[in-house]
PDB file of all heavy atoms in Angstrom:
ATOM      1  N   ILE A   1      -1.502   0.317   5.512  1.00  0.00           N
ATOM      2  CA  ILE A   1      -1.858  -0.073   4.145  1.00  0.00           C
ATOM      3  C   ILE A   1      -0.616  -0.173   3.261  1.00  0.00           C
ATOM      4  O   ILE A   1       0.247   0.712   3.265  1.00  0.00           O
ATOM      5  CB  ILE A   1      -2.865   0.935   3.539  1.00  0.00           C
ATOM      6  CG1 ILE A   1      -4.181   0.889   4.313  1.00  0.00           C
ATOM      7  CG2 ILE A   1      -3.096   0.663   2.058  1.00  0.00           C
ATOM      8  CD1 ILE A   1      -4.917  -0.444   4.240  1.00  0.00           C
ATOM      9  N   MET A   2      -0.539  -1.271   2.478  1.00  0.00           N
ATOM     10  CA  MET A   2       0.570  -1.525   1.573  1.00  0.00           C
ATOM     11  C   MET A   2       0.177  -1.262   0.122  1.00  0.00           C
ATOM     12  O   MET A   2      -0.924  -1.629  -0.304  1.00  0.00           O
ATOM     13  CB  MET A   2       1.022  -2.994   1.656  1.00  0.00           C
ATOM     14  CG  MET A   2       1.202  -3.529   3.048  1.00  0.00           C
ATOM     15  SD  MET A   2       2.649  -2.840   3.831  1.00  0.00           S
ATOM     16  CE  MET A   2       2.314  -3.271   5.525  1.00  0.00           C
ATOM     17  N   SER A   3       1.091  -0.659  -0.615  1.00  0.00           N
ATOM     18  CA  SER A   3       0.995  -0.626  -2.072  1.00  0.00           C
ATOM     19  C   SER A   3       2.075  -1.566  -2.593  1.00  0.00           C
ATOM     20  O   SER A   3       3.210  -1.567  -2.089  1.00  0.00           O
ATOM     21  CB  SER A   3       1.222   0.792  -2.608  1.00  0.00           C
ATOM     22  OG  SER A   3       0.213   1.673  -2.150  1.00  0.00           O
ATOM     23  N   VAL A   4       1.731  -2.393  -3.586  1.00  0.00           N
ATOM     24  CA  VAL A   4       2.662  -3.408  -4.079  1.00  0.00           C
ATOM     25  C   VAL A   4       2.778  -3.341  -5.597  1.00  0.00           C
ATOM     26  O   VAL A   4       1.897  -2.802  -6.275  1.00  0.00           O
ATOM     27  CB  VAL A   4       2.216  -4.831  -3.657  1.00  0.00           C
ATOM     28  CG1 VAL A   4       2.197  -4.967  -2.146  1.00  0.00           C
ATOM     29  CG2 VAL A   4       0.844  -5.168  -4.230  1.00  0.00           C
ATOM     30  N   ASP A   5       3.877  -3.915  -6.117  1.00  0.00           N
ATOM     31  CA  ASP A   5       4.035  -4.003  -7.567  1.00  0.00           C
ATOM     32  C   ASP A   5       3.457  -5.315  -8.069  1.00  0.00           C
ATOM     33  O   ASP A   5       2.788  -6.056  -7.316  1.00  0.00           O
ATOM     34  CB  ASP A   5       5.502  -3.829  -7.958  1.00  0.00           C
ATOM     35  CG  ASP A   5       6.409  -4.934  -7.407  1.00  0.00           C
ATOM     36  OD1 ASP A   5       5.885  -6.003  -6.988  1.00  0.00           O
ATOM     37  OD2 ASP A   5       7.635  -4.750  -7.391  1.00  0.00           O
ATOM     38  N   GLU A   6       3.726  -5.623  -9.334  1.00  0.00           N
ATOM     39  CA  GLU A   6       3.129  -6.823  -9.936  1.00  0.00           C
ATOM     40  C   GLU A   6       3.653  -8.112  -9.320  1.00  0.00           C
ATOM     41  O   GLU A   6       3.040  -9.184  -9.463  1.00  0.00           O
ATOM     42  CB  GLU A   6       3.383  -6.834 -11.452  1.00  0.00           C
ATOM     43  CG  GLU A   6       4.836  -6.943 -11.858  1.00  0.00           C
ATOM     44  CD  GLU A   6       5.560  -5.595 -11.863  1.00  0.00           C
ATOM     45  OE1 GLU A   6       4.960  -4.596 -11.396  1.00  0.00           O
ATOM     46  OE2 GLU A   6       6.712  -5.555 -12.331  1.00  0.00           O
ATOM     47  N   ASN A   7       4.770  -8.043  -8.587  1.00  0.00           N
ATOM     48  CA  ASN A   7       5.331  -9.224  -7.928  1.00  0.00           C
ATOM     49  C   ASN A   7       5.039  -9.249  -6.431  1.00  0.00           C
ATOM     50  O   ASN A   7       5.650 -10.024  -5.691  1.00  0.00           O
ATOM     51  CB  ASN A   7       6.841  -9.271  -8.163  1.00  0.00           C
ATOM     52  CG  ASN A   7       7.194  -9.428  -9.627  1.00  0.00           C
ATOM     53  OD1 ASN A   7       6.605 -10.249 -10.333  1.00  0.00           O
ATOM     54  ND2 ASN A   7       8.143  -8.627 -10.100  1.00  0.00           N
ATOM     55  N   ASP A   8       4.125  -8.414  -6.010  1.00  0.00           N
ATOM     56  CA  ASP A   8       3.757  -8.283  -4.590  1.00  0.00           C
ATOM     57  C   ASP A   8       4.926  -7.850  -3.717  1.00  0.00           C
ATOM     58  O   ASP A   8       4.994  -8.183  -2.526  1.00  0.00           O
ATOM     59  CB  ASP A   8       3.154  -9.591  -4.051  1.00  0.00           C
ATOM     60  CG  ASP A   8       1.646  -9.675  -4.313  1.00  0.00           C
ATOM     61  OD1 ASP A   8       1.055  -8.658  -4.717  1.00  0.00           O
ATOM     62  OD2 ASP A   8       1.072 -10.760  -4.116  1.00  0.00           O
ATOM     63  N   MET A   9       5.827  -7.081  -4.295  1.00  0.00           N
ATOM     64  CA  MET A   9       6.862  -6.432  -3.494  1.00  0.00           C
ATOM     65  C   MET A   9       6.332  -5.066  -3.073  1.00  0.00           C
ATOM     66  O   MET A   9       5.713  -4.350  -3.864  1.00  0.00           O
ATOM     67  CB  MET A   9       8.170  -6.287  -4.283  1.00  0.00           C
ATOM     68  CG  MET A   9       8.723  -7.619  -4.785  1.00  0.00           C
ATOM     69  SD  MET A   9       8.943  -8.876  -3.484  1.00  0.00           S
ATOM     70  CE  MET A   9      10.303  -8.152  -2.564  1.00  0.00           C
ATOM     71  N   ILE A  10       6.565  -4.719  -1.820  1.00  0.00           N
ATOM     72  CA  ILE A  10       5.981  -3.505  -1.260  1.00  0.00           C
ATOM     73  C   ILE A  10       6.713  -2.269  -1.789  1.00  0.00           C
ATOM     74  O   ILE A  10       7.949  -2.182  -1.722  1.00  0.00           O
ATOM     75  CB  ILE A  10       6.045  -3.534   0.279  1.00  0.00           C
ATOM     76  CG1 ILE A  10       5.226  -4.734   0.808  1.00  0.00           C
ATOM     77  CG2 ILE A  10       5.520  -2.237   0.880  1.00  0.00           C
ATOM     78  CD1 ILE A  10       5.443  -5.029   2.275  1.00  0.00           C
ATOM     79  N   THR A  11       5.944  -1.333  -2.319  1.00  0.00           N
ATOM     80  CA  THR A  11       6.508  -0.092  -2.842  1.00  0.00           C
ATOM     81  C   THR A  11       6.201   1.110  -1.951  1.00  0.00           C
ATOM     82  O   THR A  11       6.886   2.123  -2.013  1.00  0.00           O
ATOM     83  CB  THR A  11       5.965   0.189  -4.253  1.00  0.00           C
ATOM     84  OG1 THR A  11       4.528   0.282  -4.196  1.00  0.00           O
ATOM     85  CG2 THR A  11       6.361  -0.920  -5.216  1.00  0.00           C
ATOM     86  N   GLU A  12       5.152   0.969  -1.135  1.00  0.00           N
ATOM     87  CA  GLU A  12       4.763   2.086  -0.285  1.00  0.00           C
ATOM     88  C   GLU A  12       4.001   1.552   0.916  1.00  0.00           C
ATOM     89  O   GLU A  12       3.270   0.564   0.807  1.00  0.00           O
ATOM     90  CB  GLU A  12       3.888   3.065  -1.076  1.00  0.00           C
ATOM     91  CG  GLU A  12       3.631   4.391  -0.387  1.00  0.00           C
ATOM     92  CD  GLU A  12       2.866   5.363  -1.277  1.00  0.00           C
ATOM     93  OE1 GLU A  12       2.786   5.128  -2.500  1.00  0.00           O
ATOM     94  OE2 GLU A  12       2.347   6.359  -0.737  1.00  0.00           O
ATOM     95  N   PHE A  13       4.184   2.216   2.039  1.00  0.00           N
ATOM     96  CA  PHE A  13       3.473   1.836   3.260  1.00  0.00           C
ATOM     97  C   PHE A  13       2.944   3.100   3.928  1.00  0.00           C
ATOM     98  O   PHE A  13       3.668   4.086   4.067  1.00  0.00           O
ATOM     99  CB  PHE A  13       4.400   1.095   4.232  1.00  0.00           C
ATOM    100  CG  PHE A  13       3.773   0.790   5.566  1.00  0.00           C
ATOM    101  CD1 PHE A  13       2.947  -0.311   5.721  1.00  0.00           C
ATOM    102  CD2 PHE A  13       3.983   1.616   6.667  1.00  0.00           C
ATOM    103  CE1 PHE A  13       2.358  -0.590   6.950  1.00  0.00           C
ATOM    104  CE2 PHE A  13       3.401   1.348   7.890  1.00  0.00           C
ATOM    105  CZ  PHE A  13       2.585   0.239   8.028  1.00  0.00           C
ATOM    106  N   ALA A  14       1.680   3.069   4.336  1.00  0.00           N
ATOM    107  CA  ALA A  14       1.082   4.200   5.040  1.00  0.00           C
ATOM    108  C   ALA A  14       0.336   3.683   6.263  1.00  0.00           C
ATOM    109  O   ALA A  14      -0.490   2.769   6.159  1.00  0.00           O
ATOM    110  CB  ALA A  14       0.140   4.971   4.118  1.00  0.00           C
ATOM    111  N   GLU A  15       0.631   4.259   7.416  1.00  0.00           N
ATOM    112  CA  GLU A  15      -0.010   3.847   8.667  1.00  0.00           C
ATOM    113  C   GLU A  15      -1.329   4.594   8.845  1.00  0.00           C
ATOM    114  O   GLU A  15      -1.349   5.815   9.019  1.00  0.00           O
ATOM    115  CB  GLU A  15       0.922   4.124   9.853  1.00  0.00           C
ATOM    116  CG  GLU A  15       0.375   3.685  11.196  1.00  0.00           C
ATOM    117  CD  GLU A  15       0.320   2.182  11.374  1.00  0.00           C
ATOM    118  OE1 GLU A  15       0.981   1.460  10.611  1.00  0.00           O
ATOM    119  OE2 GLU A  15      -0.386   1.717  12.285  1.00  0.00           O
ATOM    120  N   LYS A  16      -2.442   3.873   8.711  1.00  0.00           N
ATOM    121  CA  LYS A  16      -3.791   4.427   8.884  1.00  0.00           C
ATOM    122  C   LYS A  16      -4.001   5.716   8.069  1.00  0.00           C
ATOM    123  O   LYS A  16      -4.301   6.774   8.614  1.00  0.00           O
ATOM    124  CB  LYS A  16      -4.080   4.681  10.364  1.00  0.00           C
ATOM    125  CG  LYS A  16      -4.029   3.410  11.207  1.00  0.00           C
ATOM    126  CD  LYS A  16      -4.319   3.667  12.675  1.00  0.00           C
ATOM    127  CE  LYS A  16      -4.254   2.368  13.473  1.00  0.00           C
ATOM    128  NZ  LYS A  16      -4.509   2.577  14.914  1.00  0.00           N
ATOM    129  N   PRO A  17      -3.854   5.610   6.741  1.00  0.00           N
ATOM    130  CA  PRO A  17      -3.973   6.806   5.892  1.00  0.00           C
ATOM    131  C   PRO A  17      -5.419   7.295   5.786  1.00  0.00           C
ATOM    132  O   PRO A  17      -6.356   6.499   5.769  1.00  0.00           O
ATOM    133  CB  PRO A  17      -3.469   6.321   4.531  1.00  0.00           C
ATOM    134  CG  PRO A  17      -3.798   4.851   4.530  1.00  0.00           C
ATOM    135  CD  PRO A  17      -3.599   4.392   5.950  1.00  0.00           C
ATOM    136  N   LYS A  18      -5.596   8.601   5.701  1.00  0.00           N
ATOM    137  CA  LYS A  18      -6.935   9.168   5.538  1.00  0.00           C
ATOM    138  C   LYS A  18      -7.497   8.852   4.159  1.00  0.00           C
ATOM    139  O   LYS A  18      -8.702   8.649   4.008  1.00  0.00           O
ATOM    140  CB  LYS A  18      -6.897  10.677   5.770  1.00  0.00           C
ATOM    141  CG  LYS A  18      -6.607  11.070   7.213  1.00  0.00           C
ATOM    142  CD  LYS A  18      -6.650  12.585   7.392  1.00  0.00           C
ATOM    143  CE  LYS A  18      -6.382  12.977   8.841  1.00  0.00           C
ATOM    144  NZ  LYS A  18      -6.403  14.456   9.020  1.00  0.00           N
ATOM    145  N   GLU A  19      -6.616   8.833   3.161  1.00  0.00           N
ATOM    146  CA  GLU A  19      -7.020   8.513   1.789  1.00  0.00           C
ATOM    147  C   GLU A  19      -6.158   7.364   1.282  1.00  0.00           C
ATOM    148  O   GLU A  19      -5.146   7.578   0.608  1.00  0.00           O
ATOM    149  CB  GLU A  19      -6.895   9.743   0.887  1.00  0.00           C
ATOM    150  CG  GLU A  19      -7.806  10.893   1.303  1.00  0.00           C
ATOM    151  CD  GLU A  19      -7.691  12.084   0.379  1.00  0.00           C
ATOM    152  OE1 GLU A  19      -6.941  11.995  -0.623  1.00  0.00           O
ATOM    153  OE2 GLU A  19      -8.355  13.106   0.647  1.00  0.00           O
ATOM    154  N   PRO A  20      -6.525   6.128   1.600  1.00  0.00           N
ATOM    155  CA  PRO A  20      -5.687   4.975   1.239  1.00  0.00           C
ATOM    156  C   PRO A  20      -5.590   4.768  -0.269  1.00  0.00           C
ATOM    157  O   PRO A  20      -6.555   4.955  -1.004  1.00  0.00           O
ATOM    158  CB  PRO A  20      -6.405   3.794   1.909  1.00  0.00           C
ATOM    159  CG  PRO A  20      -7.802   4.265   2.132  1.00  0.00           C
ATOM    160  CD  PRO A  20      -7.725   5.736   2.357  1.00  0.00           C
ATOM    161  N   LYS A  21      -4.387   4.388  -0.710  1.00  0.00           N
ATOM    162  CA  LYS A  21      -4.160   4.100  -2.123  1.00  0.00           C
ATOM    163  C   LYS A  21      -4.399   2.631  -2.455  1.00  0.00           C
ATOM    164  O   LYS A  21      -4.393   2.241  -3.619  1.00  0.00           O
ATOM    165  CB  LYS A  21      -2.724   4.476  -2.501  1.00  0.00           C
ATOM    166  CG  LYS A  21      -2.402   5.953  -2.345  1.00  0.00           C
ATOM    167  CD  LYS A  21      -0.960   6.221  -2.739  1.00  0.00           C
ATOM    168  CE  LYS A  21      -0.605   7.693  -2.576  1.00  0.00           C
ATOM    169  NZ  LYS A  21       0.818   7.952  -2.952  1.00  0.00           N
ATOM    170  N   SER A  22      -4.576   1.824  -1.424  1.00  0.00           N
ATOM    171  CA  SER A  22      -4.746   0.380  -1.597  1.00  0.00           C
ATOM    172  C   SER A  22      -5.651  -0.130  -0.488  1.00  0.00           C
ATOM    173  O   SER A  22      -5.918   0.579   0.485  1.00  0.00           O
ATOM    174  CB  SER A  22      -3.369  -0.300  -1.538  1.00  0.00           C
ATOM    175  OG  SER A  22      -3.474  -1.684  -1.284  1.00  0.00           O
ATOM    176  N   ASN A  23      -6.138  -1.350  -0.645  1.00  0.00           N
ATOM    177  CA  ASN A  23      -6.902  -1.969   0.442  1.00  0.00           C
ATOM    178  C   ASN A  23      -6.201  -3.222   0.970  1.00  0.00           C
ATOM    179  O   ASN A  23      -6.813  -4.080   1.583  1.00  0.00           O
ATOM    180  CB  ASN A  23      -8.323  -2.309  -0.011  1.00  0.00           C
ATOM    181  CG  ASN A  23      -8.365  -3.412  -1.050  1.00  0.00           C
ATOM    182  OD1 ASN A  23      -7.400  -3.622  -1.784  1.00  0.00           O
ATOM    183  ND2 ASN A  23      -9.483  -4.106  -1.126  1.00  0.00           N
ATOM    184  N   LEU A  24      -4.871  -3.287   0.738  1.00  0.00           N
ATOM    185  CA  LEU A  24      -4.066  -4.375   1.304  1.00  0.00           C
ATOM    186  C   LEU A  24      -3.599  -3.954   2.686  1.00  0.00           C
ATOM    187  O   LEU A  24      -2.737  -3.088   2.843  1.00  0.00           O
ATOM    188  CB  LEU A  24      -2.847  -4.660   0.415  1.00  0.00           C
ATOM    189  CG  LEU A  24      -3.021  -5.619  -0.761  1.00  0.00           C
ATOM    190  CD1 LEU A  24      -1.691  -5.827  -1.457  1.00  0.00           C
ATOM    191  CD2 LEU A  24      -3.592  -6.954  -0.321  1.00  0.00           C
TER     192      LEU A  24
END
C-alpha cells in the first residue's frame, strides 16, 4: 500500500499492512 502527497509522489510504503493508511 502506497501513501502519496498531493502530486502523487510516494511518501510511505507498507507491504500488506494490518491497518492500511491508504487504499492505493
